[in-house]
Each structure stands twice: as C-alpha cells, then as structure tokens.
Amino acid sequence: VVLQGHHSPSARFVADLLAEGRIGTLESVALVAEGAPFGGNRIW
C-alpha cells in the first residue's frame, strides 16, 4: 500500500535520531497540518 510517509527519507532519518536517543526519551509529539482541499466551504 502506498503510505508515502513510510518511505520518506526525512521520516526515516528522524526515526533513526529518536532511536539513537538524540533527544533523550520521547515524551510528547505534536503535529499541526493543513488538510486542504478538504474541509472548507468550497469543493473542487
């Protein structure tokens, strides 16, 4: 299945950094992201 984030070089790198303990023990994750073109008062 095409879940592109699984093969993103950046995502792989950040996962490696966490596994190496570069920021210690992970305590929290926050993601804010844009979802357009869905969810507005207009639609294509």
All heavy atoms as atom14 arrays in JSON, in Angstrom:
{
  "sequence": "VVLQGHHSPSARFVADLLAEGRIGTLESVALVAEGAPFGGNRIW",
  "atom14_mask": [
    [1, 1, 1, 1, 1, 1, 1, 0, 0, 0, 0, 0, 0, 0],
    [1, 1, 1, 1, 1, 1, 1, 0, 0, 0, 0, 0, 0, 0],
    [1, 1, 1, 1, 1, 1, 1, 1, 0, 0, 0, 0, 0, 0],
    [1, 1, 1, 1, 1, 1, 1, 1, 1, 0, 0, 0, 0, 0],
    [1, 1, 1, 1, 0, 0, 0, 0, 0, 0, 0, 0, 0, 0],
    [1, 1, 1, 1, 1, 1, 1, 1, 1, 1, 0, 0, 0, 0],
    [1, 1, 1, 1, 1, 1, 1, 1, 1, 1, 0, 0, 0, 0],
    [1, 1, 1, 1, 1, 1, 0, 0, 0, 0, 0, 0, 0, 0],
    [1, 1, 1, 1, 1, 1, 1, 0, 0, 0, 0, 0, 0, 0],
    [1, 1, 1, 1, 1, 1, 0, 0, 0, 0, 0, 0, 0, 0],
    [1, 1, 1, 1, 1, 0, 0, 0, 0, 0, 0, 0, 0, 0],
    [1, 1, 1, 1, 1, 1, 1, 1, 1, 1, 1, 0, 0, 0],
    [1, 1, 1, 1, 1, 1, 1, 1, 1, 1, 1, 0, 0, 0],
    [1, 1, 1, 1, 1, 1, 1, 0, 0, 0, 0, 0, 0, 0],
    [1, 1, 1, 1, 1, 0, 0, 0, 0, 0, 0, 0, 0, 0],
    [1, 1, 1, 1, 1, 1, 1, 1, 0, 0, 0, 0, 0, 0],
    [1, 1, 1, 1, 1, 1, 1, 1, 0, 0, 0, 0, 0, 0],
    [1, 1, 1, 1, 1, 1, 1, 1, 0, 0, 0, 0, 0, 0],
    [1, 1, 1, 1, 1, 0, 0, 0, 0, 0, 0, 0, 0, 0],
    [1, 1, 1, 1, 1, 1, 1, 1, 1, 0, 0, 0, 0, 0],
    [1, 1, 1, 1, 0, 0, 0, 0, 0, 0, 0, 0, 0, 0],
    [1, 1, 1, 1, 1, 1, 1, 1, 1, 1, 1, 0, 0, 0],
    [1, 1, 1, 1, 1, 1, 1, 1, 0, 0, 0, 0, 0, 0],
    [1, 1, 1, 1, 0, 0, 0, 0, 0, 0, 0, 0, 0, 0],
    [1, 1, 1, 1, 1, 1, 1, 0, 0, 0, 0, 0, 0, 0],
    [1, 1, 1, 1, 1, 1, 1, 1, 0, 0, 0, 0, 0, 0],
    [1, 1, 1, 1, 1, 1, 1, 1, 1, 0, 0, 0, 0, 0],
    [1, 1, 1, 1, 1, 1, 0, 0, 0, 0, 0, 0, 0, 0],
    [1, 1, 1, 1, 1, 1, 1, 0, 0, 0, 0, 0, 0, 0],
    [1, 1, 1, 1, 1, 0, 0, 0, 0, 0, 0, 0, 0, 0],
    [1, 1, 1, 1, 1, 1, 1, 1, 0, 0, 0, 0, 0, 0],
    [1, 1, 1, 1, 1, 1, 1, 0, 0, 0, 0, 0, 0, 0],
    [1, 1, 1, 1, 1, 0, 0, 0, 0, 0, 0, 0, 0, 0],
    [1, 1, 1, 1, 1, 1, 1, 1, 1, 0, 0, 0, 0, 0],
    [1, 1, 1, 1, 0, 0, 0, 0, 0, 0, 0, 0, 0, 0],
    [1, 1, 1, 1, 1, 0, 0, 0, 0, 0, 0, 0, 0, 0],
    [1, 1, 1, 1, 1, 1, 1, 0, 0, 0, 0, 0, 0, 0],
    [1, 1, 1, 1, 1, 1, 1, 1, 1, 1, 1, 0, 0, 0],
    [1, 1, 1, 1, 0, 0, 0, 0, 0, 0, 0, 0, 0, 0],
    [1, 1, 1, 1, 0, 0, 0, 0, 0, 0, 0, 0, 0, 0],
    [1, 1, 1, 1, 1, 1, 1, 1, 0, 0, 0, 0, 0, 0],
    [1, 1, 1, 1, 1, 1, 1, 1, 1, 1, 1, 0, 0, 0],
    [1, 1, 1, 1, 1, 1, 1, 1, 0, 0, 0, 0, 0, 0],
    [1, 1, 1, 1, 1, 1, 1, 1, 1, 1, 1, 1, 1, 1]
  ],
  "atom14_positions": [
    [[0.84, -1.19, 0.0], [0.0, 0.0, 0.0], [0.88, 1.24, 0.0], [1.97, 1.25, 0.6], [-0.96, 0.01, 1.21], [-0.19, 0.15, 2.53], [-2.0, 1.1, 1.1], [0.0, 0.0, 0.0], [0.0, 0.0, 0.0], [0.0, 0.0, 0.0], [0.0, 0.0, 0.0], [0.0, 0.0, 0.0], [0.0, 0.0, 0.0], [0.0, 0.0, 0.0]],
    [[0.41, 2.28, -0.68], [1.21, 3.49, -0.85], [0.94, 4.46, 0.31], [0.13, 5.38, 0.19], [0.94, 4.16, -2.21], [1.88, 5.36, -2.41], [1.1, 3.17, -3.34], [0.0, 0.0, 0.0], [0.0, 0.0, 0.0], [0.0, 0.0, 0.0], [0.0, 0.0, 0.0], [0.0, 0.0, 0.0], [0.0, 0.0, 0.0], [0.0, 0.0, 0.0]],
    [[1.61, 4.24, 1.42], [1.65, 5.2, 2.52], [3.04, 5.85, 2.46], [4.01, 5.35, 3.0], [1.41, 4.5, 3.86], [-0.04, 4.08, 4.12], [-0.13, 3.12, 5.29], [-0.91, 5.32, 4.38], [0.0, 0.0, 0.0], [0.0, 0.0, 0.0], [0.0, 0.0, 0.0], [0.0, 0.0, 0.0], [0.0, 0.0, 0.0], [0.0, 0.0, 0.0]],
    [[3.12, 6.96, 1.75], [4.41, 7.52, 1.35], [5.31, 7.87, 2.53], [6.53, 7.8, 2.42], [4.19, 8.76, 0.49], [3.46, 8.5, -0.79], [2.82, 9.75, -1.33], [3.36, 10.84, -1.23], [1.63, 9.62, -1.89], [0.0, 0.0, 0.0], [0.0, 0.0, 0.0], [0.0, 0.0, 0.0], [0.0, 0.0, 0.0], [0.0, 0.0, 0.0]],
    [[4.7, 8.25, 3.66], [5.5, 8.62, 4.81], [6.4, 7.51, 5.31], [7.46, 7.77, 5.9], [0.0, 0.0, 0.0], [0.0, 0.0, 0.0], [0.0, 0.0, 0.0], [0.0, 0.0, 0.0], [0.0, 0.0, 0.0], [0.0, 0.0, 0.0], [0.0, 0.0, 0.0], [0.0, 0.0, 0.0], [0.0, 0.0, 0.0], [0.0, 0.0, 0.0]],
    [[6.04, 6.25, 5.05], [6.87, 5.13, 5.48], [8.2, 5.1, 4.75], [9.18, 4.53, 5.24], [6.13, 3.81, 5.27], [5.1, 3.53, 6.33], [5.4, 2.87, 7.51], [3.79, 3.85, 6.4], [4.3, 2.79, 8.25], [3.31, 3.36, 7.59], [0.0, 0.0, 0.0], [0.0, 0.0, 0.0], [0.0, 0.0, 0.0], [0.0, 0.0, 0.0]],
    [[8.24, 5.69, 3.54], [9.47, 5.66, 2.74], [10.08, 7.05, 2.57], [10.98, 7.22, 1.75], [9.18, 5.02, 1.39], [8.86, 3.56, 1.5], [9.83, 2.6, 1.67], [7.68, 2.9, 1.51], [9.27, 1.4, 1.76], [7.96, 1.56, 1.68], [0.0, 0.0, 0.0], [0.0, 0.0, 0.0], [0.0, 0.0, 0.0], [0.0, 0.0, 0.0]],
    [[9.61, 8.02, 3.33], [10.2, 9.36, 3.3], [11.6, 9.33, 3.9], [11.77, 8.88, 5.04], [9.33, 10.32, 4.11], [10.05, 11.47, 4.5], [0.0, 0.0, 0.0], [0.0, 0.0, 0.0], [0.0, 0.0, 0.0], [0.0, 0.0, 0.0], [0.0, 0.0, 0.0], [0.0, 0.0, 0.0], [0.0, 0.0, 0.0], [0.0, 0.0, 0.0]],
    [[12.64, 9.79, 3.18], [13.98, 9.84, 3.76], [14.03, 10.66, 5.04], [14.74, 10.31, 5.99], [14.82, 10.47, 2.65], [14.09, 10.15, 1.39], [12.64, 10.2, 1.76], [0.0, 0.0, 0.0], [0.0, 0.0, 0.0], [0.0, 0.0, 0.0], [0.0, 0.0, 0.0], [0.0, 0.0, 0.0], [0.0, 0.0, 0.0], [0.0, 0.0, 0.0]],
    [[13.27, 11.75, 5.08], [13.26, 12.59, 6.27], [12.66, 11.86, 7.46], [13.18, 11.92, 8.59], [12.49, 13.89, 6.0], [13.12, 14.66, 4.99], [0.0, 0.0, 0.0], [0.0, 0.0, 0.0], [0.0, 0.0, 0.0], [0.0, 0.0, 0.0], [0.0, 0.0, 0.0], [0.0, 0.0, 0.0], [0.0, 0.0, 0.0], [0.0, 0.0, 0.0]],
    [[11.54, 11.15, 7.23], [10.92, 10.4, 8.31], [11.84, 9.3, 8.81], [11.96, 9.06, 10.02], [9.58, 9.83, 7.84], [0.0, 0.0, 0.0], [0.0, 0.0, 0.0], [0.0, 0.0, 0.0], [0.0, 0.0, 0.0], [0.0, 0.0, 0.0], [0.0, 0.0, 0.0], [0.0, 0.0, 0.0], [0.0, 0.0, 0.0], [0.0, 0.0, 0.0]],
    [[12.51, 8.63, 7.88], [13.45, 7.58, 8.28], [14.58, 8.15, 9.13], [14.99, 7.55, 10.13], [14.02, 6.9, 7.02], [13.01, 6.1, 6.24], [13.62, 5.56, 4.95], [14.77, 4.7, 5.22], [15.64, 4.32, 4.3], [15.5, 4.73, 3.06], [16.63, 3.52, 4.61], [0.0, 0.0, 0.0], [0.0, 0.0, 0.0], [0.0, 0.0, 0.0]],
    [[15.09, 9.31, 8.72], [16.19, 9.93, 9.45], [15.77, 10.33, 10.85], [16.48, 10.06, 11.84], [16.68, 11.15, 8.67], [17.8, 11.91, 9.34], [18.91, 11.25, 9.85], [17.74, 13.29, 9.44], [19.95, 11.96, 10.46], [18.77, 14.0, 10.04], [19.87, 13.34, 10.56], [0.0, 0.0, 0.0], [0.0, 0.0, 0.0], [0.0, 0.0, 0.0]],
    [[14.59, 10.94, 10.97], [14.12, 11.37, 12.3], [13.86, 10.15, 13.18], [14.18, 10.16, 14.38], [12.87, 12.25, 12.17], [12.26, 12.53, 13.55], [13.22, 13.57, 11.49], [0.0, 0.0, 0.0], [0.0, 0.0, 0.0], [0.0, 0.0, 0.0], [0.0, 0.0, 0.0], [0.0, 0.0, 0.0], [0.0, 0.0, 0.0], [0.0, 0.0, 0.0]],
    [[13.31, 9.09, 12.61], [13.12, 7.86, 13.4], [14.46, 7.33, 13.91], [14.57, 6.88, 15.06], [12.42, 6.8, 12.55], [0.0, 0.0, 0.0], [0.0, 0.0, 0.0], [0.0, 0.0, 0.0], [0.0, 0.0, 0.0], [0.0, 0.0, 0.0], [0.0, 0.0, 0.0], [0.0, 0.0, 0.0], [0.0, 0.0, 0.0], [0.0, 0.0, 0.0]],
    [[15.49, 7.4, 13.07], [16.82, 6.96, 13.49], [17.36, 7.84, 14.62], [17.98, 7.34, 15.58], [17.79, 6.99, 12.31], [17.52, 5.89, 11.3], [16.78, 4.96, 11.62], [18.04, 6.0, 10.16], [0.0, 0.0, 0.0], [0.0, 0.0, 0.0], [0.0, 0.0, 0.0], [0.0, 0.0, 0.0], [0.0, 0.0, 0.0], [0.0, 0.0, 0.0]],
    [[17.14, 9.15, 14.52], [17.6, 10.07, 15.56], [16.94, 9.74, 16.9], [17.6, 9.75, 17.96], [17.29, 11.51, 15.17], [18.07, 12.08, 13.98], [17.52, 13.46, 13.61], [19.56, 12.19, 14.3], [0.0, 0.0, 0.0], [0.0, 0.0, 0.0], [0.0, 0.0, 0.0], [0.0, 0.0, 0.0], [0.0, 0.0, 0.0], [0.0, 0.0, 0.0]],
    [[15.64, 9.45, 16.87], [14.95, 9.09, 18.11], [15.5, 7.79, 18.67], [15.73, 7.66, 19.88], [13.45, 8.96, 17.87], [12.68, 10.22, 17.48], [11.18, 9.92, 17.44], [12.95, 11.37, 18.42], [0.0, 0.0, 0.0], [0.0, 0.0, 0.0], [0.0, 0.0, 0.0], [0.0, 0.0, 0.0], [0.0, 0.0, 0.0], [0.0, 0.0, 0.0]],
    [[15.72, 6.82, 17.78], [16.23, 5.52, 18.24], [17.63, 5.65, 18.84], [17.99, 4.9, 19.76], [16.26, 4.54, 17.07], [0.0, 0.0, 0.0], [0.0, 0.0, 0.0], [0.0, 0.0, 0.0], [0.0, 0.0, 0.0], [0.0, 0.0, 0.0], [0.0, 0.0, 0.0], [0.0, 0.0, 0.0], [0.0, 0.0, 0.0], [0.0, 0.0, 0.0]],
    [[18.41, 6.62, 18.36], [19.76, 6.85, 18.88], [19.75, 7.64, 20.18], [20.81, 7.86, 20.8], [20.59, 7.6, 17.85], [20.88, 6.79, 16.58], [21.39, 7.67, 15.45], [21.6, 8.89, 15.7], [21.55, 7.16, 14.33], [0.0, 0.0, 0.0], [0.0, 0.0, 0.0], [0.0, 0.0, 0.0], [0.0, 0.0, 0.0], [0.0, 0.0, 0.0]],
    [[18.57, 8.13, 20.59], [18.49, 8.9, 21.83], [18.95, 10.34, 21.7], [19.32, 10.96, 22.7], [0.0, 0.0, 0.0], [0.0, 0.0, 0.0], [0.0, 0.0, 0.0], [0.0, 0.0, 0.0], [0.0, 0.0, 0.0], [0.0, 0.0, 0.0], [0.0, 0.0, 0.0], [0.0, 0.0, 0.0], [0.0, 0.0, 0.0], [0.0, 0.0, 0.0]],
    [[18.88, 10.9, 20.49], [19.39, 12.26, 20.29], [18.61, 13.3, 21.07], [19.13, 14.39, 21.35], [19.38, 12.6, 18.81], [20.45, 11.86, 18.01], [21.84, 12.4, 18.34], [22.0, 13.78, 17.96], [22.38, 14.2, 16.76], [22.63, 13.3, 15.8], [22.51, 15.47, 16.49], [0.0, 0.0, 0.0], [0.0, 0.0, 0.0], [0.0, 0.0, 0.0]],
    [[17.35, 13.03, 21.42], [16.61, 13.97, 22.27], [16.2, 13.29, 23.58], [15.28, 13.74, 24.26], [15.38, 14.56, 21.55], [14.39, 13.46, 21.13], [15.8, 15.39, 20.34], [13.06, 14.0, 20.62], [0.0, 0.0, 0.0], [0.0, 0.0, 0.0], [0.0, 0.0, 0.0], [0.0, 0.0, 0.0], [0.0, 0.0, 0.0], [0.0, 0.0, 0.0]],
    [[16.89, 12.25, 23.92], [16.56, 11.51, 25.14], [15.33, 10.64, 24.94], [15.06, 10.17, 23.83], [0.0, 0.0, 0.0], [0.0, 0.0, 0.0], [0.0, 0.0, 0.0], [0.0, 0.0, 0.0], [0.0, 0.0, 0.0], [0.0, 0.0, 0.0], [0.0, 0.0, 0.0], [0.0, 0.0, 0.0], [0.0, 0.0, 0.0], [0.0, 0.0, 0.0]],
    [[14.59, 10.44, 26.0], [13.36, 9.66, 25.93], [12.23, 10.51, 25.38], [11.98, 11.61, 25.87], [12.98, 9.15, 27.33], [14.04, 8.35, 27.85], [11.71, 8.33, 27.27], [0.0, 0.0, 0.0], [0.0, 0.0, 0.0], [0.0, 0.0, 0.0], [0.0, 0.0, 0.0], [0.0, 0.0, 0.0], [0.0, 0.0, 0.0], [0.0, 0.0, 0.0]],
    [[11.56, 10.03, 24.35], [10.46, 10.78, 23.76], [9.32, 10.89, 24.76], [8.87, 9.88, 25.32], [9.96, 10.09, 22.49], [8.83, 10.8, 21.74], [9.31, 12.14, 21.2], [8.31, 9.92, 20.61], [0.0, 0.0, 0.0], [0.0, 0.0, 0.0], [0.0, 0.0, 0.0], [0.0, 0.0, 0.0], [0.0, 0.0, 0.0], [0.0, 0.0, 0.0]],
    [[8.87, 12.13, 24.98], [7.8, 12.36, 25.95], [6.5, 12.84, 25.32], [5.42, 12.5, 25.81], [8.27, 13.37, 27.0], [9.45, 12.83, 27.84], [9.91, 13.81, 28.9], [9.49, 14.99, 28.85], [10.68, 13.39, 29.79], [0.0, 0.0, 0.0], [0.0, 0.0, 0.0], [0.0, 0.0, 0.0], [0.0, 0.0, 0.0], [0.0, 0.0, 0.0]],
    [[6.6, 13.63, 24.26], [5.37, 14.09, 23.61], [5.64, 14.42, 22.15], [6.76, 14.76, 21.75], [4.79, 15.32, 24.32], [5.62, 16.45, 24.15], [0.0, 0.0, 0.0], [0.0, 0.0, 0.0], [0.0, 0.0, 0.0], [0.0, 0.0, 0.0], [0.0, 0.0, 0.0], [0.0, 0.0, 0.0], [0.0, 0.0, 0.0], [0.0, 0.0, 0.0]],
    [[4.57, 14.29, 21.36], [4.61, 14.58, 19.92], [3.44, 15.51, 19.62], [2.32, 15.29, 20.09], [4.46, 13.29, 19.09], [4.46, 13.6, 17.6], [5.54, 12.29, 19.44], [0.0, 0.0, 0.0], [0.0, 0.0, 0.0], [0.0, 0.0, 0.0], [0.0, 0.0, 0.0], [0.0, 0.0, 0.0], [0.0, 0.0, 0.0], [0.0, 0.0, 0.0]],
    [[3.71, 16.54, 18.84], [2.65, 17.45, 18.41], [2.77, 17.65, 16.9], [3.86, 17.89, 16.38], [2.74, 18.79, 19.12], [0.0, 0.0, 0.0], [0.0, 0.0, 0.0], [0.0, 0.0, 0.0], [0.0, 0.0, 0.0], [0.0, 0.0, 0.0], [0.0, 0.0, 0.0], [0.0, 0.0, 0.0], [0.0, 0.0, 0.0], [0.0, 0.0, 0.0]],
    [[1.65, 17.55, 16.2], [1.62, 17.76, 14.76], [0.45, 18.67, 14.42], [-0.69, 18.4, 14.8], [1.47, 16.42, 14.02], [1.24, 16.51, 12.51], [2.45, 17.11, 11.8], [0.91, 15.13, 11.92], [0.0, 0.0, 0.0], [0.0, 0.0, 0.0], [0.0, 0.0, 0.0], [0.0, 0.0, 0.0], [0.0, 0.0, 0.0], [0.0, 0.0, 0.0]],
    [[0.75, 19.75, 13.73], [-0.28, 20.63, 13.17], [-0.09, 20.6, 11.67], [1.02, 20.85, 11.17], [-0.15, 22.07, 13.7], [-1.21, 22.95, 13.05], [-0.29, 22.09, 15.22], [0.0, 0.0, 0.0], [0.0, 0.0, 0.0], [0.0, 0.0, 0.0], [0.0, 0.0, 0.0], [0.0, 0.0, 0.0], [0.0, 0.0, 0.0], [0.0, 0.0, 0.0]],
    [[-1.16, 20.29, 10.93], [-1.02, 20.11, 9.49], [-2.25, 20.65, 8.76], [-3.36, 20.64, 9.28], [-0.82, 18.63, 9.16], [0.0, 0.0, 0.0], [0.0, 0.0, 0.0], [0.0, 0.0, 0.0], [0.0, 0.0, 0.0], [0.0, 0.0, 0.0], [0.0, 0.0, 0.0], [0.0, 0.0, 0.0], [0.0, 0.0, 0.0], [0.0, 0.0, 0.0]],
    [[-2.02, 21.09, 7.54], [-3.09, 21.61, 6.69], [-3.74, 20.48, 5.91], [-3.06, 19.61, 5.37], [-2.53, 22.65, 5.72], [-1.93, 23.85, 6.42], [-1.45, 24.91, 5.44], [-1.95, 24.95, 4.3], [-0.56, 25.69, 5.81], [0.0, 0.0, 0.0], [0.0, 0.0, 0.0], [0.0, 0.0, 0.0], [0.0, 0.0, 0.0], [0.0, 0.0, 0.0]],
    [[-5.08, 20.51, 5.86], [-5.82, 19.44, 5.19], [-6.55, 19.84, 3.92], [-7.31, 19.04, 3.38], [0.0, 0.0, 0.0], [0.0, 0.0, 0.0], [0.0, 0.0, 0.0], [0.0, 0.0, 0.0], [0.0, 0.0, 0.0], [0.0, 0.0, 0.0], [0.0, 0.0, 0.0], [0.0, 0.0, 0.0], [0.0, 0.0, 0.0], [0.0, 0.0, 0.0]],
    [[-6.34, 21.08, 3.44], [-6.96, 21.47, 2.18], [-6.45, 20.55, 1.06], [-5.31, 20.07, 1.14], [-6.61, 22.92, 1.86], [0.0, 0.0, 0.0], [0.0, 0.0, 0.0], [0.0, 0.0, 0.0], [0.0, 0.0, 0.0], [0.0, 0.0, 0.0], [0.0, 0.0, 0.0], [0.0, 0.0, 0.0], [0.0, 0.0, 0.0], [0.0, 0.0, 0.0]],
    [[-7.29, 20.24, 0.06], [-8.52, 20.92, -0.33], [-9.8, 20.4, 0.33], [-10.9, 20.73, -0.13], [-8.57, 20.64, -1.84], [-8.0, 19.27, -1.96], [-6.89, 19.22, -0.94], [0.0, 0.0, 0.0], [0.0, 0.0, 0.0], [0.0, 0.0, 0.0], [0.0, 0.0, 0.0], [0.0, 0.0, 0.0], [0.0, 0.0, 0.0], [0.0, 0.0, 0.0]],
    [[-9.68, 19.58, 1.36], [-10.87, 19.07, 2.04], [-11.22, 19.99, 3.21], [-10.36, 20.64, 3.79], [-10.62, 17.66, 2.56], [-10.3, 16.66, 1.5], [-8.99, 16.27, 1.27], [-11.3, 16.11, 0.71], [-8.68, 15.34, 0.28], [-11.01, 15.18, -0.27], [-9.69, 14.8, -0.5], [0.0, 0.0, 0.0], [0.0, 0.0, 0.0], [0.0, 0.0, 0.0]],
    [[-12.53, 20.01, 3.57], [-12.95, 20.62, 4.82], [-13.37, 22.06, 4.77], [-13.81, 22.6, 5.79], [0.0, 0.0, 0.0], [0.0, 0.0, 0.0], [0.0, 0.0, 0.0], [0.0, 0.0, 0.0], [0.0, 0.0, 0.0], [0.0, 0.0, 0.0], [0.0, 0.0, 0.0], [0.0, 0.0, 0.0], [0.0, 0.0, 0.0], [0.0, 0.0, 0.0]],
    [[-13.27, 22.73, 3.63], [-13.67, 24.13, 3.55], [-15.13, 24.29, 3.15], [-15.89, 23.33, 3.09], [0.0, 0.0, 0.0], [0.0, 0.0, 0.0], [0.0, 0.0, 0.0], [0.0, 0.0, 0.0], [0.0, 0.0, 0.0], [0.0, 0.0, 0.0], [0.0, 0.0, 0.0], [0.0, 0.0, 0.0], [0.0, 0.0, 0.0], [0.0, 0.0, 0.0]],
    [[-15.52, 25.54, 2.87], [-16.9, 25.79, 2.44], [-17.04, 25.75, 0.93], [-18.09, 26.06, 0.38], [-17.42, 27.12, 3.0], [-16.62, 28.31, 2.5], [-15.72, 28.18, 1.67], [-16.96, 29.5, 3.0], [0.0, 0.0, 0.0], [0.0, 0.0, 0.0], [0.0, 0.0, 0.0], [0.0, 0.0, 0.0], [0.0, 0.0, 0.0], [0.0, 0.0, 0.0]],
    [[-15.94, 25.36, 0.25], [-15.96, 25.13, -1.2], [-15.29, 23.79, -1.5], [-14.48, 23.32, -0.71], [-15.23, 26.24, -1.96], [-15.81, 27.63, -1.75], [-15.21, 28.62, -2.73], [-13.77, 28.78, -2.6], [-13.19, 29.61, -1.74], [-13.94, 30.35, -0.92], [-11.88, 29.71, -1.68], [0.0, 0.0, 0.0], [0.0, 0.0, 0.0], [0.0, 0.0, 0.0]],
    [[-15.63, 23.21, -2.63], [-15.04, 21.92, -3.02], [-14.8, 21.94, -4.52], [-15.6, 22.48, -5.28], [-15.97, 20.74, -2.63], [-15.23, 19.39, -2.74], [-17.24, 20.73, -3.45], [-14.21, 19.15, -1.67], [0.0, 0.0, 0.0], [0.0, 0.0, 0.0], [0.0, 0.0, 0.0], [0.0, 0.0, 0.0], [0.0, 0.0, 0.0], [0.0, 0.0, 0.0]],
    [[-13.7, 21.35, -4.94], [-13.42, 21.23, -6.38], [-14.45, 20.32, -7.03], [-14.9, 19.34, -6.42], [-12.02, 20.67, -6.6], [-10.91, 21.54, -6.1], [-10.99, 22.85, -5.73], [-9.55, 21.15, -5.91], [-9.76, 23.3, -5.32], [-8.87, 22.28, -5.43], [-8.85, 19.96, -6.11], [-7.5, 22.25, -5.13], [-7.5, 19.92, -5.82], [-6.83, 21.05, -5.35]]
  ]
}
